[in-house]
Amino acid sequence: MLRLTLPLTGLALVAACASAPPPADLAPDVFVAAAQIEEPDDAAGAAEPESDLTPPSLPDTDLASLTAQRRAVERAAPIPDAPPEEAIRTGRAQALIEPSLDGYVNAIQVYAYVEGALYRLYASPGQVSDIALQAGEALVSVSSGDTVRWVVGDTVSGAGPSRRAHVLVKPISPGIRTNLMIATDRRTYHLELESVASGYMAALSWRYPAEELSRHAARTAEAAPPPVASVERGLSVEGLNFDYALSGDSPAWRPVRVFDDGRQVFIQMPADIAASELPPLFVLGEGGASELVNYRVRGHYYVVDRLFQAAELRLGQRRQTVVRITRGAPRTGLAAWFGG
C-alpha cells in the first residue's frame, strides 16, 4: 500500500504546480505606450551618505596659521577697550606669521594662505628673494612702502596653465623694514619685509587649504553613490505575486524579476543599467484593450500604477529589441506556494 501512495503523491504535486498554458502571441499594435511620470524627490531631506574618503591632512604650521586667524571670532568674552596704538600693535602681532622649519620644501618657505594674514620675509643685501604666486594666477599690482631702499620687480615662469608670476625683492642695506602688498586676479597678499645681514629667505610661496578642502568636498560628492530610494514602503512579502514570465530578446537591460502587490507592478532592472538605457514601457490593459497606464522609475525599478495582463519593453526604431512581460494565470494550492 505504501508503494502506491508515494507515486500518487508525486503525481498530485506535478499536477498542482503545472501552470496554465501561455496566452496566444499578441500583435504589437494592441499595446499602448505607458506614460512615465516624475518620481517626487523624497530623499531631499535625507542625510548625506558618509564617504570613506578622509579630508587631506594639513601640516601643523597650516593649522596654527588658520587657528591664529580665527582668534578674533572665537573669543568667548568681549575684548576690553584699548588705545588705538595698542590695538594696532596687538592685531598686527597676532596676524604675523613667521617662517618655520616644517614649512620648508627644499629652499622654499611654504605658507598656508589665510586672507588678511601678514607673512614675514627675511631678505639680505646682495641677495634676491623670490615670492612665487599660484600657478595660473595673474599679477595685477605690487606696492611697497619703501621704494628707495628696496628694489622690487616681477617676472614670470612657465607657460599655459603652469605659468606663474614671481615678485622679486632685494634690500640695499641691512636693518631696514617695510611692507609689501601684492594684488592678483584671485586674492591679495600682505608681507612684512625685514632686511638682515645674513640668513635671507631664497623663496616663499603659499598653499591654499580652503581650495584643497573645496576640491576634496567635490571629489567626495562625486565618489559618493547616489541615494537609492526604496521600491515601496509597507510592502508585505506574503502578499507579493512573482508569477510573471519574461520572453523575447535578451538585452543587457532585460529585467531581473517582475512582481506585484495586488495593486502595483514592480519591474526590477539590472543594477548596472544607466538611466539613458532604460527602454519605454508598453502595456496591454486588463480586458485586452489598450489602456493608458502611468509608471515611475524609482531606483532600478519601474513602478506601474496598476496591474496588467501583458507588457513590453521596447528599444530601437526599425529593428526593435523587445522583452515581453506576461502575467501568469491565478493558481491555487501548492502551485501558489511554490511558484512556477
Protein backbone atom coordinates (compact mmCIF):
# COMPACT_ATOMS: atom_id res chain seq x y z
CA MET A 1 0.00 0.00 0.00
CA LEU A 2 2.86 2.30 0.77
CA ARG A 3 4.30 1.81 -2.73
CA LEU A 4 1.09 3.09 -4.32
CA THR A 5 0.81 6.16 -2.08
CA LEU A 6 4.18 7.71 -2.98
CA PRO A 7 3.66 7.78 -6.79
CA LEU A 8 0.19 9.20 -6.37
CA THR A 9 1.51 11.97 -4.12
CA GLY A 10 4.21 12.91 -6.66
CA LEU A 11 1.62 12.97 -9.43
CA ALA A 12 -0.56 15.32 -7.40
CA LEU A 13 2.35 17.70 -6.84
CA VAL A 14 3.16 17.80 -10.56
CA ALA A 15 -0.46 18.48 -11.48
CA ALA A 16 -0.79 21.21 -8.88
CA CYS A 17 2.41 23.01 -9.97
CA ALA A 18 1.60 22.90 -13.66
CA SER A 19 0.86 26.42 -14.84
CA ALA A 20 -1.73 27.49 -17.33
CA PRO A 21 -0.66 27.42 -20.98
CA PRO A 22 0.86 30.69 -22.18
CA PRO A 23 -1.50 33.09 -23.94
CA ALA A 24 -1.50 33.31 -27.70
CA ASP A 25 1.00 35.70 -29.22
CA LEU A 26 -0.27 39.26 -29.26
CA ALA A 27 0.21 41.74 -32.04
CA PRO A 28 2.38 44.78 -31.16
CA ASP A 29 -0.38 47.24 -32.06
CA VAL A 30 -2.57 46.10 -29.14
CA PHE A 31 -0.12 47.67 -26.69
CA VAL A 32 -0.29 51.32 -25.67
CA ALA A 33 2.70 53.33 -24.55
CA ALA A 34 2.71 53.82 -20.78
CA ALA A 35 3.16 57.40 -19.57
CA GLN A 36 6.17 57.95 -17.37
CA ILE A 37 5.62 60.42 -14.54
CA GLU A 38 8.28 62.08 -12.40
CA GLU A 39 9.06 60.48 -9.08
CA PRO A 40 8.92 63.03 -6.20
CA ASP A 41 12.27 63.59 -4.59
CA ASP A 42 11.68 62.17 -1.12
CA ALA A 43 15.38 61.99 -0.37
CA ALA A 44 15.89 65.76 -0.30
CA GLY A 45 15.90 65.93 3.47
CA ALA A 46 17.83 62.72 3.97
CA ALA A 47 21.26 62.84 5.48
CA GLU A 48 24.16 62.80 3.05
CA PRO A 49 25.86 59.43 2.74
CA GLU A 50 29.07 59.05 4.62
CA SER A 51 32.15 58.80 2.46
CA ASP A 52 35.19 56.69 3.13
CA LEU A 53 37.37 59.48 1.80
CA THR A 54 39.26 61.30 4.51
CA PRO A 55 39.99 65.02 4.25
CA PRO A 56 43.53 65.98 3.33
CA SER A 57 45.83 66.39 6.31
CA LEU A 58 47.31 69.82 6.88
CA PRO A 59 50.74 70.43 8.41
CA ASP A 60 50.87 71.79 11.93
CA THR A 61 52.01 75.13 10.56
CA ASP A 62 48.87 75.36 8.43
CA LEU A 63 46.65 74.52 11.37
CA ALA A 64 48.45 77.03 13.56
CA SER A 65 48.07 79.72 10.93
CA LEU A 66 44.38 79.05 10.47
CA THR A 67 43.83 78.93 14.22
CA ALA A 68 45.63 82.23 14.73
CA GLN A 69 43.42 83.95 12.19
CA ARG A 70 40.23 82.70 13.86
CA ARG A 71 41.05 84.05 17.29
CA ALA A 72 39.14 87.25 16.74
CA VAL A 73 35.87 85.46 16.06
CA GLU A 74 36.30 82.62 18.56
CA ARG A 75 36.81 84.71 21.69
CA ALA A 76 34.11 83.89 24.20
CA ALA A 77 34.41 87.18 26.11
CA PRO A 78 34.42 90.68 24.58
CA ILE A 79 37.81 92.36 24.24
CA PRO A 80 38.26 95.30 26.60
CA ASP A 81 38.80 98.69 25.01
CA ALA A 82 42.43 99.57 24.28
CA PRO A 83 44.17 102.66 22.90
CA PRO A 84 44.40 102.65 19.08
CA GLU A 85 48.18 102.23 19.14
CA GLU A 86 47.95 99.14 21.34
CA ALA A 87 45.06 97.68 19.31
CA ILE A 88 47.05 98.11 16.09
CA ARG A 89 50.19 96.62 17.62
CA THR A 90 48.30 93.67 19.09
CA GLY A 91 46.34 92.96 15.92
CA ARG A 92 49.44 93.12 13.77
CA ALA A 93 51.37 90.82 16.12
CA GLN A 94 48.55 88.24 16.07
CA ALA A 95 48.28 88.34 12.28
CA LEU A 96 52.03 88.00 11.66
CA ILE A 97 53.16 84.53 10.51
CA GLU A 98 56.86 83.73 10.80
CA PRO A 99 58.76 81.11 8.78
CA SER A 100 59.01 77.65 10.33
CA LEU A 101 61.17 74.59 9.77
CA ASP A 102 58.14 72.43 8.94
CA GLY A 103 57.10 74.89 6.25
CA TYR A 104 60.28 74.48 4.19
CA VAL A 105 60.23 72.48 0.95
CA ASN A 106 63.87 72.46 -0.11
CA ALA A 107 64.76 76.19 -0.09
CA ILE A 108 61.17 77.43 -0.39
CA GLN A 109 59.19 78.51 2.66
CA VAL A 110 55.58 77.46 2.01
CA TYR A 111 52.94 79.36 3.99
CA ALA A 112 49.29 78.44 4.39
CA TYR A 113 47.30 81.24 2.81
CA VAL A 114 44.75 82.97 5.03
CA GLU A 115 43.12 86.21 3.95
CA GLY A 116 44.34 89.15 6.00
CA ALA A 117 47.42 87.44 7.41
CA LEU A 118 50.85 89.09 7.41
CA TYR A 119 53.69 86.92 6.09
CA ARG A 120 57.27 87.56 7.12
CA LEU A 121 60.03 87.64 4.53
CA TYR A 122 63.67 87.99 5.61
CA ALA A 123 65.94 89.36 2.87
CA SER A 124 69.62 90.33 2.69
CA PRO A 125 71.58 92.93 0.68
CA GLY A 126 73.07 91.47 -2.47
CA GLN A 127 70.55 88.59 -2.48
CA VAL A 128 67.26 88.28 -4.38
CA SER A 129 64.25 86.75 -2.62
CA ASP A 130 61.60 85.18 -4.85
CA ILE A 131 57.87 85.43 -4.00
CA ALA A 132 56.12 82.82 -6.16
CA LEU A 133 52.36 83.09 -6.70
CA GLN A 134 49.93 80.30 -7.53
CA ALA A 135 50.14 78.72 -10.97
CA GLY A 136 47.72 80.45 -13.32
CA GLU A 137 47.35 83.47 -11.01
CA ALA A 138 47.72 86.79 -12.83
CA LEU A 139 49.61 89.64 -11.20
CA VAL A 140 47.69 92.92 -11.07
CA SER A 141 49.85 95.27 -9.00
CA VAL A 142 52.71 95.38 -6.48
CA SER A 143 53.01 98.16 -3.88
CA SER A 144 55.92 98.67 -1.46
CA GLY A 145 56.15 101.05 1.46
CA ASP A 146 59.80 101.85 0.73
CA THR A 147 60.72 102.01 -2.92
CA VAL A 148 64.05 103.79 -2.31
CA ARG A 149 65.89 101.25 -0.16
CA TRP A 150 64.09 98.20 -1.55
CA VAL A 151 64.31 97.04 -5.14
CA VAL A 152 61.09 95.35 -6.26
CA GLY A 153 60.49 93.69 -9.64
CA ASP A 154 58.44 90.93 -11.18
CA THR A 155 58.79 88.18 -13.78
CA VAL A 156 57.04 85.02 -14.95
CA SER A 157 57.96 81.37 -15.40
CA GLY A 158 56.33 78.54 -17.33
CA ALA A 159 53.61 78.75 -19.94
CA GLY A 160 49.94 77.91 -20.28
CA PRO A 161 48.24 76.56 -17.13
CA SER A 162 51.62 76.26 -15.36
CA ARG A 163 52.52 79.92 -15.93
CA ARG A 164 53.50 81.54 -12.60
CA ALA A 165 54.11 85.13 -11.65
CA HIS A 166 57.07 85.97 -9.40
CA VAL A 167 57.76 89.11 -7.37
CA LEU A 168 61.45 89.73 -6.67
CA VAL A 169 62.67 91.85 -3.72
CA LYS A 170 66.16 92.96 -2.65
CA PRO A 171 67.20 95.43 0.08
CA ILE A 172 70.17 97.76 -0.38
CA SER A 173 71.22 97.68 3.30
CA PRO A 174 70.62 95.58 6.43
CA GLY A 175 68.46 96.59 9.37
CA ILE A 176 65.60 98.11 7.39
CA ARG A 177 61.95 97.13 7.22
CA THR A 178 58.96 97.79 5.01
CA ASN A 179 55.73 96.16 3.90
CA LEU A 180 54.64 94.78 0.54
CA MET A 181 51.15 94.34 -0.91
CA ILE A 182 50.59 92.07 -3.93
CA ALA A 183 47.23 92.15 -5.73
CA THR A 184 46.27 89.41 -8.20
CA ASP A 185 43.15 88.34 -10.04
CA ARG A 186 42.41 85.83 -7.24
CA ARG A 187 43.50 87.30 -3.90
CA THR A 188 45.65 89.84 -2.04
CA TYR A 189 48.92 89.10 -0.22
CA HIS A 190 50.37 91.20 2.62
CA LEU A 191 54.02 90.75 3.52
CA GLU A 192 56.33 92.20 6.17
CA LEU A 193 59.84 92.62 4.76
CA GLU A 194 62.87 92.74 7.03
CA SER A 195 66.46 93.07 5.90
CA VAL A 196 69.12 91.08 7.81
CA ALA A 197 72.87 90.84 7.31
CA SER A 198 72.66 87.07 6.72
CA GLY A 199 70.09 84.28 6.76
CA TYR A 200 67.90 85.53 3.93
CA MET A 201 64.96 83.52 2.56
CA ALA A 202 65.62 82.43 -1.00
CA ALA A 203 61.97 81.93 -1.92
CA LEU A 204 58.50 81.68 -0.48
CA SER A 205 55.14 80.55 -1.80
CA TRP A 206 51.75 79.52 -0.45
CA ARG A 207 49.48 76.56 -0.04
CA TYR A 208 45.72 77.15 -0.16
CA PRO A 209 43.93 74.96 2.43
CA ALA A 210 40.49 76.40 1.67
CA GLU A 211 40.80 75.41 -2.00
CA GLU A 212 42.16 71.98 -1.07
CA LEU A 213 39.16 71.35 1.18
CA SER A 214 36.78 72.54 -1.54
CA ARG A 215 38.35 70.17 -4.06
CA HIS A 216 38.17 67.35 -1.54
CA ALA A 217 34.48 68.05 -0.93
CA ALA A 218 33.85 67.99 -4.68
CA ARG A 219 35.70 64.66 -5.04
CA THR A 220 33.74 63.24 -2.12
CA ALA A 221 30.44 64.29 -3.68
CA GLU A 222 31.41 62.69 -6.99
CA ALA A 223 32.62 59.46 -5.36
CA ALA A 224 29.62 59.05 -3.06
CA PRO A 225 26.97 56.75 -4.53
CA PRO A 226 23.62 58.41 -5.17
CA PRO A 227 20.93 57.62 -2.62
CA VAL A 228 18.75 54.76 -3.80
CA ALA A 229 15.11 55.11 -2.93
CA SER A 230 13.28 52.06 -1.62
CA VAL A 231 10.92 50.33 -4.01
CA GLU A 232 7.86 50.94 -1.91
CA ARG A 233 7.17 51.37 1.79
CA GLY A 234 4.86 49.00 3.57
CA LEU A 235 5.12 46.09 1.11
CA SER A 236 4.16 42.76 2.65
CA VAL A 237 6.24 39.81 1.46
CA GLU A 238 3.32 37.46 1.97
CA GLY A 239 1.16 39.48 -0.44
CA LEU A 240 3.61 39.63 -3.36
CA ASN A 241 2.95 37.78 -6.59
CA PHE A 242 6.00 36.75 -8.64
CA ASP A 243 4.05 34.79 -11.26
CA TYR A 244 5.33 36.73 -14.30
CA ALA A 245 7.08 35.30 -17.33
CA LEU A 246 9.71 37.03 -19.50
CA SER A 247 10.12 36.22 -23.18
CA GLY A 248 11.60 37.74 -26.31
CA ASP A 249 15.10 39.18 -26.67
CA SER A 250 17.88 39.10 -24.06
CA PRO A 251 19.47 42.58 -23.99
CA ALA A 252 21.63 43.91 -21.18
CA TRP A 253 18.60 45.76 -19.79
CA ARG A 254 16.41 42.62 -19.57
CA PRO A 255 14.51 42.79 -16.23
CA VAL A 256 15.80 40.76 -13.31
CA ARG A 257 12.34 39.99 -11.92
CA VAL A 258 8.74 41.20 -12.02
CA PHE A 259 6.20 41.07 -9.20
CA ASP A 260 3.10 42.85 -7.91
CA ASP A 261 1.41 43.51 -4.59
CA GLY A 262 -2.13 43.24 -5.93
CA ARG A 263 -2.22 46.95 -6.74
CA GLN A 264 1.03 47.89 -8.50
CA VAL A 265 3.55 46.04 -10.66
CA PHE A 266 7.27 46.32 -9.93
CA ILE A 267 9.76 45.63 -12.73
CA GLN A 268 13.29 45.28 -11.38
CA MET A 269 16.01 46.28 -13.88
CA PRO A 270 19.72 45.33 -13.66
CA ALA A 271 21.68 47.35 -11.09
CA ASP A 272 24.37 48.39 -13.58
CA ILE A 273 21.99 49.83 -16.17
CA ALA A 274 22.37 53.53 -16.98
CA ALA A 275 19.37 55.84 -16.87
CA SER A 276 19.87 56.67 -20.55
CA GLU A 277 19.45 52.99 -21.48
CA LEU A 278 16.04 52.49 -19.87
CA PRO A 279 13.54 51.35 -22.54
CA PRO A 280 9.98 52.71 -22.70
CA LEU A 281 7.14 50.54 -21.43
CA PHE A 282 4.08 49.50 -23.46
CA VAL A 283 1.14 47.92 -21.60
CA LEU A 284 -1.90 45.88 -22.57
CA GLY A 285 -4.96 46.54 -20.42
CA GLU A 286 -6.75 44.05 -18.19
CA GLY A 287 -9.60 43.47 -20.65
CA GLY A 288 -7.30 43.03 -23.66
CA ALA A 289 -7.85 46.60 -24.87
CA SER A 290 -5.22 49.32 -25.00
CA GLU A 291 -5.37 51.47 -21.86
CA LEU A 292 -3.19 54.37 -20.77
CA VAL A 293 -1.11 53.50 -17.68
CA ASN A 294 1.23 55.66 -15.60
CA TYR A 295 4.56 54.40 -14.29
CA ARG A 296 7.52 55.82 -12.40
CA VAL A 297 11.22 54.95 -12.30
CA ARG A 298 12.32 54.53 -8.69
CA GLY A 299 15.95 53.49 -8.32
CA HIS A 300 16.31 50.38 -10.51
CA TYR A 301 12.57 49.69 -10.57
CA TYR A 302 9.69 50.55 -12.87
CA VAL A 303 6.62 51.05 -10.67
CA VAL A 304 3.43 50.63 -12.72
CA ASP A 305 0.35 52.12 -11.09
CA ARG A 306 -1.98 49.23 -11.96
CA LEU A 307 -1.93 45.55 -12.83
CA PHE A 308 -1.69 44.45 -16.43
CA GLN A 309 -2.10 41.28 -18.47
CA ALA A 310 0.95 41.81 -20.66
CA ALA A 311 3.55 44.49 -21.30
CA GLU A 312 6.55 45.03 -23.50
CA LEU A 313 9.82 46.89 -23.07
CA ARG A 314 10.94 48.14 -26.47
CA LEU A 315 14.12 49.89 -27.54
CA GLY A 316 15.09 50.95 -31.05
CA GLN A 317 13.39 52.21 -34.17
CA ARG A 318 13.34 49.90 -37.19
CA ARG A 319 14.78 46.75 -35.62
CA GLN A 320 13.43 46.94 -32.10
CA THR A 321 14.68 44.97 -29.16
CA VAL A 322 11.60 43.67 -27.33
CA VAL A 323 11.20 41.93 -23.98
CA ARG A 324 7.65 40.79 -23.20
CA ILE A 325 6.28 40.51 -19.67
CA THR A 326 3.27 38.21 -19.26
CA ARG A 327 1.28 37.75 -16.11
CA GLY A 328 0.51 34.13 -15.29
CA ALA A 329 -2.99 32.81 -14.60
CA PRO A 330 -4.05 32.73 -10.92
CA ARG A 331 -3.22 29.42 -9.28
CA THR A 332 -4.19 27.81 -6.03
CA GLY A 333 -2.96 25.11 -3.72
CA LEU A 334 0.67 24.03 -3.84
CA ALA A 335 1.28 25.97 -7.06
CA ALA A 336 0.52 29.26 -5.28
CA TRP A 337 3.02 28.32 -2.57
CA PHE A 338 5.92 27.12 -4.74
CA GLY A 339 5.51 29.37 -7.79
CA GLY A 340 6.22 28.42 -11.40
